[in-house]
Amino acid sequence: MADSKKENAGKPKKSFFKGVKQEWNKIIWVSKEDLLRQTGLVAVISLLLGVLITLIDQGALQLVNWLMSI
């Protein structure tokens, strides 16, 4: 920690907001088409996983009910 303070002692300090602006300019935004395609894909995969989890849960419930009835 102290070593980094010594290294930066001779350098002029950048403004925080200048650094934020520089980083903001480095962002590469996706196109609207890519955003919509990826959003749709996430929605479809979420729906499929929800159905799969529901099926597994119902199967486990049926198995437990069957084992309890024995």
PDB file of N, CA and C in Angstrom:
ATOM      1  N   MET A   1       0.821  -1.180   0.000  1.00  0.00           N
ATOM      2  CA  MET A   1       0.000   0.000   0.000  1.00  0.00           C
ATOM      3  C   MET A   1       0.868   1.248   0.000  1.00  0.00           C
ATOM      4  N   ALA A   2       1.831   1.306   0.901  1.00  0.00           N
ATOM      5  CA  ALA A   2       2.668   2.492   1.002  1.00  0.00           C
ATOM      6  C   ALA A   2       3.550   2.645  -0.234  1.00  0.00           C
ATOM      7  N   ASP A   3       3.961   1.518  -0.833  1.00  0.00           N
ATOM      8  CA  ASP A   3       4.802   1.584  -2.020  1.00  0.00           C
ATOM      9  C   ASP A   3       4.071   2.244  -3.181  1.00  0.00           C
ATOM     10  N   SER A   4       2.792   1.968  -3.341  1.00  0.00           N
ATOM     11  CA  SER A   4       2.038   2.555  -4.448  1.00  0.00           C
ATOM     12  C   SER A   4       1.890   4.056  -4.254  1.00  0.00           C
ATOM     13  N   LYS A   5       1.826   4.522  -3.004  1.00  0.00           N
ATOM     14  CA  LYS A   5       1.750   5.965  -2.752  1.00  0.00           C
ATOM     15  C   LYS A   5       3.060   6.636  -3.146  1.00  0.00           C
ATOM     16  N   LYS A   6       4.154   5.971  -2.882  1.00  0.00           N
ATOM     17  CA  LYS A   6       5.458   6.533  -3.242  1.00  0.00           C
ATOM     18  C   LYS A   6       5.621   6.603  -4.757  1.00  0.00           C
ATOM     19  N   GLU A   7       5.144   5.574  -5.463  1.00  0.00           N
ATOM     20  CA  GLU A   7       5.265   5.545  -6.916  1.00  0.00           C
ATOM     21  C   GLU A   7       4.432   6.643  -7.561  1.00  0.00           C
ATOM     22  N   ASN A   8       3.273   6.931  -7.026  1.00  0.00           N
ATOM     23  CA  ASN A   8       2.368   7.917  -7.597  1.00  0.00           C
ATOM     24  C   ASN A   8       2.639   9.332  -7.093  1.00  0.00           C
ATOM     25  N   ALA A   9       3.618   9.505  -6.218  1.00  0.00           N
ATOM     26  CA  ALA A   9       3.853  10.805  -5.609  1.00  0.00           C
ATOM     27  C   ALA A   9       4.272  11.852  -6.644  1.00  0.00           C
ATOM     28  N   GLY A  10       5.048  11.481  -7.651  1.00  0.00           N
ATOM     29  CA  GLY A  10       5.524  12.443  -8.634  1.00  0.00           C
ATOM     30  C   GLY A  10       4.572  12.668  -9.789  1.00  0.00           C
ATOM     31  N   LYS A  11       3.537  11.855  -9.908  1.00  0.00           N
ATOM     32  CA  LYS A  11       2.612  11.953 -11.034  1.00  0.00           C
ATOM     33  C   LYS A  11       1.455  12.883 -10.683  1.00  0.00           C
ATOM     34  N   PRO A  12       1.015  13.692 -11.647  1.00  0.00           N
ATOM     35  CA  PRO A  12      -0.153  14.537 -11.365  1.00  0.00           C
ATOM     36  C   PRO A  12      -1.408  13.667 -11.264  1.00  0.00           C
ATOM     37  N   LYS A  13      -2.312  14.033 -10.358  1.00  0.00           N
ATOM     38  CA  LYS A  13      -3.533  13.253 -10.167  1.00  0.00           C
ATOM     39  C   LYS A  13      -4.538  13.593 -11.251  1.00  0.00           C
ATOM     40  N   LYS A  14      -5.164  12.559 -11.817  1.00  0.00           N
ATOM     41  CA  LYS A  14      -6.222  12.755 -12.796  1.00  0.00           C
ATOM     42  C   LYS A  14      -7.529  12.996 -12.057  1.00  0.00           C
ATOM     43  N   SER A  15      -8.380  13.736 -12.663  1.00  0.00           N
ATOM     44  CA  SER A  15      -9.701  13.942 -12.103  1.00  0.00           C
ATOM     45  C   SER A  15     -10.469  12.629 -12.188  1.00  0.00           C
ATOM     46  N   PHE A  16     -11.248  12.359 -11.170  1.00  0.00           N
ATOM     47  CA  PHE A  16     -12.048  11.144 -11.147  1.00  0.00           C
ATOM     48  C   PHE A  16     -12.985  11.106 -12.346  1.00  0.00           C
ATOM     49  N   PHE A  17     -13.609  12.240 -12.635  1.00  0.00           N
ATOM     50  CA  PHE A  17     -14.576  12.278 -13.720  1.00  0.00           C
ATOM     51  C   PHE A  17     -13.918  12.165 -15.088  1.00  0.00           C
ATOM     52  N   LYS A  18     -12.675  12.614 -15.215  1.00  0.00           N
ATOM     53  CA  LYS A  18     -11.955  12.404 -16.476  1.00  0.00           C
ATOM     54  C   LYS A  18     -11.727  10.915 -16.700  1.00  0.00           C
ATOM     55  N   GLY A  19     -11.371  10.215 -15.631  1.00  0.00           N
ATOM     56  CA  GLY A  19     -11.168   8.771 -15.726  1.00  0.00           C
ATOM     57  C   GLY A  19     -12.454   8.045 -16.071  1.00  0.00           C
ATOM     58  N   VAL A  20     -13.558   8.481 -15.481  1.00  0.00           N
ATOM     59  CA  VAL A  20     -14.851   7.867 -15.780  1.00  0.00           C
ATOM     60  C   VAL A  20     -15.200   8.095 -17.240  1.00  0.00           C
ATOM     61  N   LYS A  21     -14.969   9.313 -17.739  1.00  0.00           N
ATOM     62  CA  LYS A  21     -15.280   9.630 -19.134  1.00  0.00           C
ATOM     63  C   LYS A  21     -14.425   8.791 -20.080  1.00  0.00           C
ATOM     64  N   GLN A  22     -13.158   8.613 -19.761  1.00  0.00           N
ATOM     65  CA  GLN A  22     -12.282   7.797 -20.601  1.00  0.00           C
ATOM     66  C   GLN A  22     -12.759   6.353 -20.641  1.00  0.00           C
ATOM     67  N   GLU A  23     -13.134   5.819 -19.507  1.00  0.00           N
ATOM     68  CA  GLU A  23     -13.628   4.437 -19.471  1.00  0.00           C
ATOM     69  C   GLU A  23     -14.962   4.314 -20.192  1.00  0.00           C
ATOM     70  N   TRP A  24     -15.820   5.312 -20.049  1.00  0.00           N
ATOM     71  CA  TRP A  24     -17.131   5.307 -20.715  1.00  0.00           C
ATOM     72  C   TRP A  24     -16.949   5.254 -22.226  1.00  0.00           C
ATOM     73  N   ASN A  25     -15.948   5.953 -22.732  1.00  0.00           N
ATOM     74  CA  ASN A  25     -15.701   5.976 -24.173  1.00  0.00           C
ATOM     75  C   ASN A  25     -15.153   4.651 -24.696  1.00  0.00           C
ATOM     76  N   LYS A  26     -14.661   3.796 -23.812  1.00  0.00           N
ATOM     77  CA  LYS A  26     -14.132   2.497 -24.228  1.00  0.00           C
ATOM     78  C   LYS A  26     -15.230   1.441 -24.386  1.00  0.00           C
ATOM     79  N   ILE A  27     -16.425   1.748 -23.904  1.00  0.00           N
ATOM     80  CA  ILE A  27     -17.520   0.782 -23.951  1.00  0.00           C
ATOM     81  C   ILE A  27     -17.952   0.559 -25.394  1.00  0.00           C
ATOM     82  N   ILE A  28     -18.133  -0.703 -25.743  1.00  0.00           N
ATOM     83  CA  ILE A  28     -18.635  -1.063 -27.072  1.00  0.00           C
ATOM     84  C   ILE A  28     -20.064  -1.548 -26.875  1.00  0.00           C
ATOM     85  N   TRP A  29     -21.030  -0.775 -27.356  1.00  0.00           N
ATOM     86  CA  TRP A  29     -22.432  -1.096 -27.177  1.00  0.00           C
ATOM     87  C   TRP A  29     -22.867  -2.065 -28.259  1.00  0.00           C
ATOM     88  N   VAL A  30     -23.710  -3.033 -27.888  1.00  0.00           N
ATOM     89  CA  VAL A  30     -24.217  -3.992 -28.865  1.00  0.00           C
ATOM     90  C   VAL A  30     -25.322  -3.341 -29.693  1.00  0.00           C
ATOM     91  N   SER A  31     -25.549  -3.890 -30.873  1.00  0.00           N
ATOM     92  CA  SER A  31     -26.600  -3.344 -31.734  1.00  0.00           C
ATOM     93  C   SER A  31     -27.971  -3.760 -31.195  1.00  0.00           C
ATOM     94  N   LYS A  32     -29.001  -3.074 -31.640  1.00  0.00           N
ATOM     95  CA  LYS A  32     -30.358  -3.361 -31.179  1.00  0.00           C
ATOM     96  C   LYS A  32     -30.766  -4.779 -31.567  1.00  0.00           C
ATOM     97  N   GLU A  33     -30.372  -5.201 -32.764  1.00  0.00           N
ATOM     98  CA  GLU A  33     -30.719  -6.551 -33.226  1.00  0.00           C
ATOM     99  C   GLU A  33     -30.071  -7.611 -32.337  1.00  0.00           C
ATOM    100  N   ASP A  34     -28.793  -7.418 -32.009  1.00  0.00           N
ATOM    101  CA  ASP A  34     -28.099  -8.374 -31.142  1.00  0.00           C
ATOM    102  C   ASP A  34     -28.741  -8.407 -29.753  1.00  0.00           C
ATOM    103  N   LEU A  35     -29.095  -7.240 -29.253  1.00  0.00           N
ATOM    104  CA  LEU A  35     -29.708  -7.161 -27.941  1.00  0.00           C
ATOM    105  C   LEU A  35     -31.041  -7.902 -27.915  1.00  0.00           C
ATOM    106  N   LEU A  36     -31.862  -7.695 -28.932  1.00  0.00           N
ATOM    107  CA  LEU A  36     -33.153  -8.378 -28.996  1.00  0.00           C
ATOM    108  C   LEU A  36     -32.989  -9.884 -29.153  1.00  0.00           C
ATOM    109  N   ARG A  37     -32.036 -10.308 -29.984  1.00  0.00           N
ATOM    110  CA  ARG A  37     -31.798 -11.744 -30.194  1.00  0.00           C
ATOM    111  C   ARG A  37     -31.324 -12.401 -28.894  1.00  0.00           C
ATOM    112  N   GLN A  38     -30.396 -11.765 -28.200  1.00  0.00           N
ATOM    113  CA  GLN A  38     -29.875 -12.330 -26.965  1.00  0.00           C
ATOM    114  C   GLN A  38     -30.929 -12.335 -25.864  1.00  0.00           C
ATOM    115  N   THR A  39     -31.757 -11.295 -25.818  1.00  0.00           N
ATOM    116  CA  THR A  39     -32.838 -11.246 -24.832  1.00  0.00           C
ATOM    117  C   THR A  39     -33.845 -12.360 -25.083  1.00  0.00           C
ATOM    118  N   GLY A  40     -34.185 -12.565 -26.340  1.00  0.00           N
ATOM    119  CA  GLY A  40     -35.103 -13.652 -26.688  1.00  0.00           C
ATOM    120  C   GLY A  40     -34.532 -15.008 -26.320  1.00  0.00           C
ATOM    121  N   LEU A  41     -33.250 -15.191 -26.581  1.00  0.00           N
ATOM    122  CA  LEU A  41     -32.596 -16.456 -26.252  1.00  0.00           C
ATOM    123  C   LEU A  41     -32.609 -16.711 -24.748  1.00  0.00           C
ATOM    124  N   VAL A  42     -32.339 -15.688 -23.961  1.00  0.00           N
ATOM    125  CA  VAL A  42     -32.374 -15.836 -22.501  1.00  0.00           C
ATOM    126  C   VAL A  42     -33.785 -16.181 -22.037  1.00  0.00           C
ATOM    127  N   ALA A  43     -34.794 -15.543 -22.626  1.00  0.00           N
ATOM    128  CA  ALA A  43     -36.185 -15.822 -22.249  1.00  0.00           C
ATOM    129  C   ALA A  43     -36.560 -17.264 -22.584  1.00  0.00           C
ATOM    130  N   VAL A  44     -36.176 -17.746 -23.759  1.00  0.00           N
ATOM    131  CA  VAL A  44     -36.502 -19.116 -24.173  1.00  0.00           C
ATOM    132  C   VAL A  44     -35.798 -20.134 -23.278  1.00  0.00           C
ATOM    133  N   ILE A  45     -34.525 -19.913 -23.011  1.00  0.00           N
ATOM    134  CA  ILE A  45     -33.775 -20.849 -22.156  1.00  0.00           C
ATOM    135  C   ILE A  45     -34.347 -20.853 -20.749  1.00  0.00           C
ATOM    136  N   SER A  46     -34.722 -19.677 -20.235  1.00  0.00           N
ATOM    137  CA  SER A  46     -35.321 -19.605 -18.895  1.00  0.00           C
ATOM    138  C   SER A  46     -36.634 -20.369 -18.853  1.00  0.00           C
ATOM    139  N   LEU A  47     -37.435 -20.217 -19.879  1.00  0.00           N
ATOM    140  CA  LEU A  47     -38.712 -20.939 -19.947  1.00  0.00           C
ATOM    141  C   LEU A  47     -38.483 -22.448 -19.997  1.00  0.00           C
ATOM    142  N   LEU A  48     -37.548 -22.889 -20.827  1.00  0.00           N
ATOM    143  CA  LEU A  48     -37.260 -24.330 -20.926  1.00  0.00           C
ATOM    144  C   LEU A  48     -36.740 -24.896 -19.609  1.00  0.00           C
ATOM    145  N   LEU A  49     -35.852 -24.141 -18.942  1.00  0.00           N
ATOM    146  CA  LEU A  49     -35.343 -24.612 -17.652  1.00  0.00           C
ATOM    147  C   LEU A  49     -36.449 -24.642 -16.599  1.00  0.00           C
ATOM    148  N   GLY A  50     -37.354 -23.676 -16.650  1.00  0.00           N
ATOM    149  CA  GLY A  50     -38.478 -23.675 -15.717  1.00  0.00           C
ATOM    150  C   GLY A  50     -39.350 -24.896 -15.909  1.00  0.00           C
ATOM    151  N   VAL A  51     -39.624 -25.249 -17.163  1.00  0.00           N
ATOM    152  CA  VAL A  51     -40.421 -26.445 -17.457  1.00  0.00           C
ATOM    153  C   VAL A  51     -39.678 -27.696 -16.991  1.00  0.00           C
ATOM    154  N   LEU A  52     -38.389 -27.772 -17.266  1.00  0.00           N
ATOM    155  CA  LEU A  52     -37.591 -28.932 -16.855  1.00  0.00           C
ATOM    156  C   LEU A  52     -37.582 -29.085 -15.333  1.00  0.00           C
ATOM    157  N   ILE A  53     -37.382 -28.010 -14.620  1.00  0.00           N
ATOM    158  CA  ILE A  53     -37.364 -28.071 -13.152  1.00  0.00           C
ATOM    159  C   ILE A  53     -38.734 -28.480 -12.618  1.00  0.00           C
ATOM    160  N   THR A  54     -39.802 -27.965 -13.239  1.00  0.00           N
ATOM    161  CA  THR A  54     -41.152 -28.343 -12.825  1.00  0.00           C
ATOM    162  C   THR A  54     -41.386 -29.837 -13.022  1.00  0.00           C
ATOM    163  N   LEU A  55     -40.950 -30.365 -14.169  1.00  0.00           N
ATOM    164  CA  LEU A  55     -41.120 -31.797 -14.437  1.00  0.00           C
ATOM    165  C   LEU A  55     -40.337 -32.650 -13.431  1.00  0.00           C
ATOM    166  N   ILE A  56     -39.113 -32.252 -13.145  1.00  0.00           N
ATOM    167  CA  ILE A  56     -38.301 -33.002 -12.181  1.00  0.00           C
ATOM    168  C   ILE A  56     -38.942 -32.942 -10.795  1.00  0.00           C
ATOM    169  N   ASP A  57     -39.443 -31.768 -10.417  1.00  0.00           N
ATOM    170  CA  ASP A  57     -40.083 -31.606  -9.117  1.00  0.00           C
ATOM    171  C   ASP A  57     -41.340 -32.464  -9.010  1.00  0.00           C
ATOM    172  N   GLN A  58     -42.148 -32.470 -10.043  1.00  0.00           N
ATOM    173  CA  GLN A  58     -43.368 -33.283 -10.026  1.00  0.00           C
ATOM    174  C   GLN A  58     -43.033 -34.772  -9.985  1.00  0.00           C
ATOM    175  N   GLY A  59     -41.994 -35.165 -10.719  1.00  0.00           N
ATOM    176  CA  GLY A  59     -41.566 -36.564 -10.687  1.00  0.00           C
ATOM    177  C   GLY A  59     -41.077 -36.970  -9.314  1.00  0.00           C
ATOM    178  N   ALA A  60     -40.301 -36.104  -8.675  1.00  0.00           N
ATOM    179  CA  ALA A  60     -39.816 -36.402  -7.329  1.00  0.00           C
ATOM    180  C   ALA A  60     -40.976 -36.468  -6.343  1.00  0.00           C
ATOM    181  N   LEU A  61     -41.945 -35.581  -6.488  1.00  0.00           N
ATOM    182  CA  LEU A  61     -43.115 -35.585  -5.613  1.00  0.00           C
ATOM    183  C   LEU A  61     -43.905 -36.883  -5.767  1.00  0.00           C
ATOM    184  N   GLN A  62     -44.092 -37.317  -7.006  1.00  0.00           N
ATOM    185  CA  GLN A  62     -44.813 -38.573  -7.252  1.00  0.00           C
ATOM    186  C   GLN A  62     -44.054 -39.759  -6.656  1.00  0.00           C
ATOM    187  N   LEU A  63     -42.740 -39.728  -6.783  1.00  0.00           N
ATOM    188  CA  LEU A  63     -41.923 -40.808  -6.217  1.00  0.00           C
ATOM    189  C   LEU A  63     -42.034 -40.847  -4.697  1.00  0.00           C
ATOM    190  N   VAL A  64     -41.962 -39.690  -4.060  1.00  0.00           N
ATOM    191  CA  VAL A  64     -42.074 -39.646  -2.599  1.00  0.00           C
ATOM    192  C   VAL A  64     -43.463 -40.101  -2.165  1.00  0.00           C
ATOM    193  N   ASN A  65     -44.501 -39.648  -2.855  1.00  0.00           N
ATOM    194  CA  ASN A  65     -45.864 -40.089  -2.518  1.00  0.00           C
ATOM    195  C   ASN A  65     -46.029 -41.602  -2.693  1.00  0.00           C
ATOM    196  N   TRP A  66     -45.434 -42.154  -3.731  1.00  0.00           N
ATOM    197  CA  TRP A  66     -45.504 -43.605  -3.956  1.00  0.00           C
ATOM    198  C   TRP A  66     -44.771 -44.349  -2.847  1.00  0.00           C
ATOM    199  N   LEU A  67     -43.575 -43.833  -2.454  1.00  0.00           N
ATOM    200  CA  LEU A  67     -42.807 -44.487  -1.391  1.00  0.00           C
ATOM    201  C   LEU A  67     -43.530 -44.396  -0.062  1.00  0.00           C
ATOM    202  N   MET A  68     -44.241 -43.306   0.172  1.00  0.00           N
ATOM    203  CA  MET A  68     -44.991 -43.146   1.440  1.00  0.00           C
ATOM    204  C   MET A  68     -46.192 -44.070   1.498  1.00  0.00           C
ATOM    205  N   SER A  69     -46.724 -44.441   0.342  1.00  0.00           N
ATOM    206  CA  SER A  69     -47.904 -45.288   0.331  1.00  0.00           C
ATOM    207  C   SER A  69     -47.575 -46.768   0.487  1.00  0.00           C
ATOM    208  N   ILE A  70     -46.336 -47.111   0.407  1.00  0.00           N
ATOM    209  CA  ILE A  70     -45.924 -48.518   0.514  1.00  0.00           C
ATOM    210  C   ILE A  70     -46.035 -48.987   1.944  1.00  0.00           C
TER     211      ILE A  70
END
